[in-house]
Amino acid sequence: MKLSDMFSTLAENARTYEKRVAEWQDEMNSRNDEMMASARKWQETAMQRQDEMNRQFRGYFEEAGENVRNQWQTMQTAWEEQFQKMREKGEEMRAAAMKSGHFPEWAEAYAAQMVGFAQKMQDEAANAIAAATEAKGTKSKGTKDV
């Protein structure tokens, strides 16, 4: 799978998520229990989609050279560690919000923050795709690898 296809998949998943969130908000008051079950199901399928994306990434990098794989693994490890720290901090904040009775406001702010983070990552992915495209174009013109 090409990087551009992966980026398109990420964008499509974001659009799907935004649409579902809007639908959930419209129906939340009338069908709370049913909507919670739907949200849990969506989370499960999101994890399956993430597993598939991870499989595709592994396949992509298996084709790359050892140096590239090592660099990518170092970066991936750092991202995963940072993401885990964010999740842990989010859980601490969630617990505090639930105790204080401000969970709905916290949940909305947290969702907005995660969407903002995802957008930043999409921007980074777009820059990476552009750099990869440029690098492949330069390589195909006969220049030496750096």
C-alpha atoms as a PDB file:
ATOM      1  CA  MET A   1       0.000   0.000   0.000  1.00  0.00           C
ATOM      2  CA  LYS A   2       1.339   3.423  -0.943  1.00  0.00           C
ATOM      3  CA  LEU A   3       1.826   6.152   1.628  1.00  0.00           C
ATOM      4  CA  SER A   4      -0.736   8.272  -0.195  1.00  0.00           C
ATOM      5  CA  ASP A   5      -3.270   5.430   0.159  1.00  0.00           C
ATOM      6  CA  MET A   6      -2.507   5.169   3.869  1.00  0.00           C
ATOM      7  CA  PHE A   7      -2.994   8.919   4.255  1.00  0.00           C
ATOM      8  CA  SER A   8      -6.279   8.726   2.335  1.00  0.00           C
ATOM      9  CA  THR A   9      -7.431   5.910   4.606  1.00  0.00           C
ATOM     10  CA  LEU A  10      -6.576   8.002   7.669  1.00  0.00           C
ATOM     11  CA  ALA A  11      -8.520  10.974   6.298  1.00  0.00           C
ATOM     12  CA  GLU A  12     -11.504   8.784   5.431  1.00  0.00           C
ATOM     13  CA  ASN A  13     -11.481   7.288   8.944  1.00  0.00           C
ATOM     14  CA  ALA A  14     -11.490  10.819  10.391  1.00  0.00           C
ATOM     15  CA  ARG A  15     -14.452  11.796   8.191  1.00  0.00           C
ATOM     16  CA  THR A  16     -16.314   8.650   9.207  1.00  0.00           C
ATOM     17  CA  TYR A  17     -15.597   9.326  12.859  1.00  0.00           C
ATOM     18  CA  GLU A  18     -16.798  12.943  12.627  1.00  0.00           C
ATOM     19  CA  LYS A  19     -20.011  11.809  10.942  1.00  0.00           C
ATOM     20  CA  ARG A  20     -20.636   9.169  13.585  1.00  0.00           C
ATOM     21  CA  VAL A  21     -19.961  11.624  16.402  1.00  0.00           C
ATOM     22  CA  ALA A  22     -22.549  14.010  14.952  1.00  0.00           C
ATOM     23  CA  GLU A  23     -25.051  11.179  14.668  1.00  0.00           C
ATOM     24  CA  TRP A  24     -24.306  10.039  18.207  1.00  0.00           C
ATOM     25  CA  GLN A  25     -24.811  13.518  19.606  1.00  0.00           C
ATOM     26  CA  ASP A  26     -28.182  13.836  17.867  1.00  0.00           C
ATOM     27  CA  GLU A  27     -29.396  10.541  19.270  1.00  0.00           C
ATOM     28  CA  MET A  28     -27.674  10.620  22.656  1.00  0.00           C
ATOM     29  CA  ASN A  29     -30.599  11.906  24.702  1.00  0.00           C
ATOM     30  CA  SER A  30     -33.179   9.509  23.315  1.00  0.00           C
ATOM     31  CA  ARG A  31     -31.126   6.329  23.087  1.00  0.00           C
ATOM     32  CA  ASN A  32     -28.287   6.560  25.588  1.00  0.00           C
ATOM     33  CA  ASP A  33     -27.867   2.836  26.318  1.00  0.00           C
ATOM     34  CA  GLU A  34     -28.087   1.848  22.676  1.00  0.00           C
ATOM     35  CA  MET A  35     -25.635   4.587  21.721  1.00  0.00           C
ATOM     36  CA  MET A  36     -23.117   3.452  24.343  1.00  0.00           C
ATOM     37  CA  ALA A  37     -23.197  -0.056  22.878  1.00  0.00           C
ATOM     38  CA  SER A  38     -22.689   1.438  19.400  1.00  0.00           C
ATOM     39  CA  ALA A  39     -19.732   3.485  20.651  1.00  0.00           C
ATOM     40  CA  ARG A  40     -18.140   0.395  22.173  1.00  0.00           C
ATOM     41  CA  LYS A  41     -18.625  -1.519  18.916  1.00  0.00           C
ATOM     42  CA  TRP A  42     -17.065   1.341  16.958  1.00  0.00           C
ATOM     43  CA  GLN A  43     -14.079   1.307  19.314  1.00  0.00           C
ATOM     44  CA  GLU A  44     -13.655  -2.422  18.732  1.00  0.00           C
ATOM     45  CA  THR A  45     -13.716  -2.000  14.959  1.00  0.00           C
ATOM     46  CA  ALA A  46     -11.347   0.962  15.264  1.00  0.00           C
ATOM     47  CA  MET A  47      -8.879  -1.319  17.014  1.00  0.00           C
ATOM     48  CA  GLN A  48      -9.273  -3.858  14.205  1.00  0.00           C
ATOM     49  CA  ARG A  49      -8.632  -1.121  11.633  1.00  0.00           C
ATOM     50  CA  GLN A  50      -5.553  -0.043  13.589  1.00  0.00           C
ATOM     51  CA  ASP A  51      -4.271  -3.617  13.625  1.00  0.00           C
ATOM     52  CA  GLU A  52      -4.733  -3.792   9.844  1.00  0.00           C
ATOM     53  CA  MET A  53      -2.917  -0.468   9.392  1.00  0.00           C
ATOM     54  CA  ASN A  54      -0.073  -1.723  11.604  1.00  0.00           C
ATOM     55  CA  ARG A  55       0.158  -4.869   9.470  1.00  0.00           C
ATOM     56  CA  GLN A  56       0.400  -2.741   6.341  1.00  0.00           C
ATOM     57  CA  PHE A  57       3.117  -0.582   7.893  1.00  0.00           C
ATOM     58  CA  ARG A  58       5.105  -3.657   8.869  1.00  0.00           C
ATOM     59  CA  GLY A  59       4.844  -4.940   5.302  1.00  0.00           C
ATOM     60  CA  TYR A  60       5.989  -1.603   3.927  1.00  0.00           C
ATOM     61  CA  PHE A  61       9.027  -1.440   6.176  1.00  0.00           C
ATOM     62  CA  GLU A  62       9.975  -5.079   5.626  1.00  0.00           C
ATOM     63  CA  GLU A  63      10.769  -3.974   2.074  1.00  0.00           C
ATOM     64  CA  ALA A  64      12.986  -1.131   3.325  1.00  0.00           C
ATOM     65  CA  GLY A  65      16.672  -1.455   4.151  1.00  0.00           C
ATOM     66  CA  GLU A  66      17.933  -2.360   7.627  1.00  0.00           C
ATOM     67  CA  ASN A  67      19.079   1.199   8.427  1.00  0.00           C
ATOM     68  CA  VAL A  68      15.642   2.592   7.560  1.00  0.00           C
ATOM     69  CA  ARG A  69      13.905  -0.120   9.590  1.00  0.00           C
ATOM     70  CA  ASN A  70      16.090   0.630  12.634  1.00  0.00           C
ATOM     71  CA  GLN A  71      15.442   4.369  12.386  1.00  0.00           C
ATOM     72  CA  TRP A  72      11.725   3.798  11.948  1.00  0.00           C
ATOM     73  CA  GLN A  73      11.595   1.417  14.911  1.00  0.00           C
ATOM     74  CA  THR A  74      13.307   4.008  17.130  1.00  0.00           C
ATOM     75  CA  MET A  75      10.793   6.653  16.070  1.00  0.00           C
ATOM     76  CA  GLN A  76       7.838   4.272  16.442  1.00  0.00           C
ATOM     77  CA  THR A  77       8.937   3.335  19.958  1.00  0.00           C
ATOM     78  CA  ALA A  78       9.198   7.014  20.942  1.00  0.00           C
ATOM     79  CA  TRP A  79       5.714   7.713  19.526  1.00  0.00           C
ATOM     80  CA  GLU A  80       4.197   4.765  21.341  1.00  0.00           C
ATOM     81  CA  GLU A  81       5.807   5.815  24.620  1.00  0.00           C
ATOM     82  CA  GLN A  82       4.488   9.362  24.216  1.00  0.00           C
ATOM     83  CA  PHE A  83       1.031   8.091  23.307  1.00  0.00           C
ATOM     84  CA  GLN A  84       0.991   5.855  26.399  1.00  0.00           C
ATOM     85  CA  LYS A  85       1.937   8.833  28.590  1.00  0.00           C
ATOM     86  CA  MET A  86      -0.911  10.845  27.044  1.00  0.00           C
ATOM     87  CA  ARG A  87      -3.380   8.020  27.703  1.00  0.00           C
ATOM     88  CA  GLU A  88      -2.233   7.673  31.316  1.00  0.00           C
ATOM     89  CA  LYS A  89      -2.571  11.409  31.908  1.00  0.00           C
ATOM     90  CA  GLY A  90      -5.990  11.317  30.220  1.00  0.00           C
ATOM     91  CA  GLU A  91      -7.112   8.540  32.559  1.00  0.00           C
ATOM     92  CA  GLU A  92      -5.966  10.551  35.588  1.00  0.00           C
ATOM     93  CA  MET A  93      -7.880  13.565  34.323  1.00  0.00           C
ATOM     94  CA  ARG A  94     -10.943  11.435  33.519  1.00  0.00           C
ATOM     95  CA  ALA A  95     -11.034  10.094  37.076  1.00  0.00           C
ATOM     96  CA  ALA A  96     -10.766  13.614  38.497  1.00  0.00           C
ATOM     97  CA  ALA A  97     -13.519  14.868  36.179  1.00  0.00           C
ATOM     98  CA  MET A  98     -15.826  12.029  37.190  1.00  0.00           C
ATOM     99  CA  LYS A  99     -15.241  12.748  40.886  1.00  0.00           C
ATOM    100  CA  SER A 100     -15.893  16.461  40.408  1.00  0.00           C
ATOM    101  CA  GLY A 101     -19.059  15.927  38.378  1.00  0.00           C
ATOM    102  CA  HIS A 102     -17.638  17.632  35.283  1.00  0.00           C
ATOM    103  CA  PHE A 103     -17.192  14.533  33.127  1.00  0.00           C
ATOM    104  CA  PRO A 104     -19.352  15.632  30.156  1.00  0.00           C
ATOM    105  CA  GLU A 105     -17.376  18.851  29.792  1.00  0.00           C
ATOM    106  CA  TRP A 106     -14.092  17.005  30.225  1.00  0.00           C
ATOM    107  CA  ALA A 107     -15.051  14.352  27.667  1.00  0.00           C
ATOM    108  CA  GLU A 108     -15.912  16.998  25.098  1.00  0.00           C
ATOM    109  CA  ALA A 109     -12.656  18.881  25.696  1.00  0.00           C
ATOM    110  CA  TYR A 110     -10.671  15.637  25.562  1.00  0.00           C
ATOM    111  CA  ALA A 111     -12.304  14.662  22.277  1.00  0.00           C
ATOM    112  CA  ALA A 112     -11.474  18.081  20.829  1.00  0.00           C
ATOM    113  CA  GLN A 113      -7.883  17.740  22.008  1.00  0.00           C
ATOM    114  CA  MET A 114      -7.529  14.283  20.434  1.00  0.00           C
ATOM    115  CA  VAL A 115      -8.985  15.526  17.145  1.00  0.00           C
ATOM    116  CA  GLY A 116      -6.476  18.392  17.217  1.00  0.00           C
ATOM    117  CA  PHE A 117      -3.667  15.935  17.866  1.00  0.00           C
ATOM    118  CA  ALA A 118      -4.852  13.717  15.005  1.00  0.00           C
ATOM    119  CA  GLN A 119      -4.914  16.737  12.707  1.00  0.00           C
ATOM    120  CA  LYS A 120      -1.334  17.582  13.660  1.00  0.00           C
ATOM    121  CA  MET A 121      -0.339  14.005  12.910  1.00  0.00           C
ATOM    122  CA  GLN A 122      -2.143  14.190   9.561  1.00  0.00           C
ATOM    123  CA  ASP A 123      -0.172  17.350   8.763  1.00  0.00           C
ATOM    124  CA  GLU A 124       3.028  15.541   9.696  1.00  0.00           C
ATOM    125  CA  ALA A 125       1.997  12.595   7.517  1.00  0.00           C
ATOM    126  CA  ALA A 126       1.326  14.945   4.593  1.00  0.00           C
ATOM    127  CA  ASN A 127       4.790  16.479   5.005  1.00  0.00           C
ATOM    128  CA  ALA A 128       6.343  13.019   5.187  1.00  0.00           C
ATOM    129  CA  ILE A 129       4.511  11.917   2.043  1.00  0.00           C
ATOM    130  CA  ALA A 130       5.690  15.030   0.216  1.00  0.00           C
ATOM    131  CA  ALA A 131       9.285  14.450   1.334  1.00  0.00           C
ATOM    132  CA  ALA A 132       9.119  10.774   0.319  1.00  0.00           C
ATOM    133  CA  THR A 133       7.670  11.650  -3.067  1.00  0.00           C
ATOM    134  CA  GLU A 134      10.362  14.262  -3.627  1.00  0.00           C
ATOM    135  CA  ALA A 135      13.098  11.877  -2.506  1.00  0.00           C
ATOM    136  CA  LYS A 136      11.876   9.125  -4.821  1.00  0.00           C
ATOM    137  CA  GLY A 137      11.686  11.634  -7.676  1.00  0.00           C
ATOM    138  CA  THR A 138      15.248  12.765  -7.026  1.00  0.00           C
ATOM    139  CA  LYS A 139      16.440   9.165  -6.784  1.00  0.00           C
ATOM    140  CA  SER A 140      14.780   8.213 -10.048  1.00  0.00           C
ATOM    141  CA  LYS A 141      16.626  11.070 -11.773  1.00  0.00           C
ATOM    142  CA  GLY A 142      19.905   9.352 -11.032  1.00  0.00           C
ATOM    143  CA  THR A 143      21.194  11.171  -7.954  1.00  0.00           C
ATOM    144  CA  LYS A 144      23.016   9.225  -5.284  1.00  0.00           C
ATOM    145  CA  ASP A 145      21.409   8.297  -1.964  1.00  0.00           C
ATOM    146  CA  VAL A 146      22.503  10.444   0.944  1.00  0.00           C
END
